Each structure stands twice: as C-alpha cells, then as structure tokens.
Amino acid sequence: MALSVDSKVKELMKNEKAAELLDSYAPGFKSNPQMKLVQSLTFRKLCSFPQAGISPDKLDEIDEKLKALGE
C-alpha cells in the first residue's frame, strides 16, 4: 500500500514505520489520545490546522519519506 500525506491518519497509524516517522516530526502522533478524533482526515488536512505546526516545506519532506517507505 502506497503511503503519502494524502493517506488517512488511521492508515498511517496502522503502519509502524510511518507512525514512527510522523512521531519524529509531530511528537505525540502515536500516543496522543486525541488523534482518534482525526483518524478520518488525511495527514495533509490535519497539517492544514495551525496547531499542527507543520510547514508546507516539512509536509513535502514528510511526503517524500512516506512514499519511500512503500518502495
């Protein structure tokens, strides 16, 4: 399954390597209980909220790394 920032948060959380990667950029991604509230969103949509604190440049970097996981 190809992963990207356009994958749903739920899908990314199920993939251990993707969850570790995202937790390195957004500490608490794996452990914050509030993440259950946003599982139906894509990671891109989640990052569009200012509280996420992920810049567009970082989002592109994350997207490349997520895509590389699927290779």
Protein backbone atom coordinates (compact mmCIF):
# COMPACT_ATOMS: atom_id res chain seq x y z
CA MET A 1 0.00 0.00 0.00
CA ALA A 2 1.45 3.34 -1.03
CA LEU A 3 1.62 5.88 1.75
CA SER A 4 1.71 9.65 1.43
CA VAL A 5 0.48 12.76 3.19
CA ASP A 6 -2.79 12.13 1.36
CA SER A 7 -3.27 8.88 3.29
CA LYS A 8 -5.75 8.89 6.14
CA VAL A 9 -4.32 9.28 9.63
CA LYS A 10 -5.86 5.91 10.51
CA GLU A 11 -3.86 4.17 7.76
CA LEU A 12 -0.65 5.90 8.80
CA MET A 13 -1.14 4.92 12.44
CA LYS A 14 -1.53 1.26 11.46
CA ASN A 15 1.86 1.24 9.72
CA GLU A 16 4.54 1.14 12.44
CA LYS A 17 7.29 2.69 10.28
CA ALA A 18 5.01 5.51 9.12
CA ALA A 19 3.81 6.16 12.67
CA GLU A 20 7.44 6.33 13.91
CA LEU A 21 8.33 8.75 11.12
CA LEU A 22 5.37 11.00 11.82
CA ASP A 23 6.01 10.89 15.56
CA SER A 24 9.52 12.23 14.89
CA TYR A 25 8.01 15.28 13.16
CA ALA A 26 4.94 15.62 15.37
CA PRO A 27 5.70 14.24 18.84
CA GLY A 28 2.61 12.56 20.25
CA PHE A 29 1.33 11.33 16.90
CA LYS A 30 1.39 7.75 18.17
CA SER A 31 0.48 8.35 21.81
CA ASN A 32 -1.89 11.32 21.97
CA PRO A 33 -5.43 10.01 22.62
CA GLN A 34 -6.89 12.98 20.72
CA MET A 35 -5.51 11.53 17.48
CA LYS A 36 -8.51 9.20 17.49
CA LEU A 37 -10.65 12.25 16.74
CA VAL A 38 -8.85 12.96 13.46
CA GLN A 39 -8.35 9.44 12.09
CA SER A 40 -10.67 10.05 9.17
CA LEU A 41 -8.67 13.08 7.98
CA THR A 42 -5.74 12.86 5.61
CA PHE A 43 -2.41 13.84 7.11
CA ARG A 44 -2.31 16.79 4.68
CA LYS A 45 -5.66 18.05 6.01
CA LEU A 46 -4.52 17.59 9.61
CA CYS A 47 -1.41 19.66 8.87
CA SER A 48 -3.55 22.47 7.45
CA PHE A 49 -4.56 23.31 11.01
CA PRO A 50 -2.16 25.82 12.61
CA GLN A 51 -1.99 23.73 15.79
CA ALA A 52 -0.17 21.01 13.84
CA GLY A 53 2.84 23.27 13.40
CA ILE A 54 3.95 21.60 10.15
CA SER A 55 5.16 23.98 7.44
CA PRO A 56 4.50 23.28 3.74
CA ASP A 57 8.22 22.54 3.27
CA LYS A 58 8.17 19.99 6.10
CA LEU A 59 5.00 18.47 4.66
CA ASP A 60 6.77 17.92 1.32
CA GLU A 61 9.70 16.33 3.16
CA ILE A 62 7.37 14.03 5.09
CA ASP A 63 5.55 13.11 1.87
CA GLU A 64 8.82 12.03 0.23
CA LYS A 65 9.78 9.90 3.23
CA LEU A 66 6.34 8.28 3.44
CA LYS A 67 6.44 7.41 -0.27
CA ALA A 68 9.92 5.92 0.19
CA LEU A 69 8.55 3.58 2.87
CA GLY A 70 6.32 1.96 0.26
CA GLU A 71 9.15 1.21 -2.15
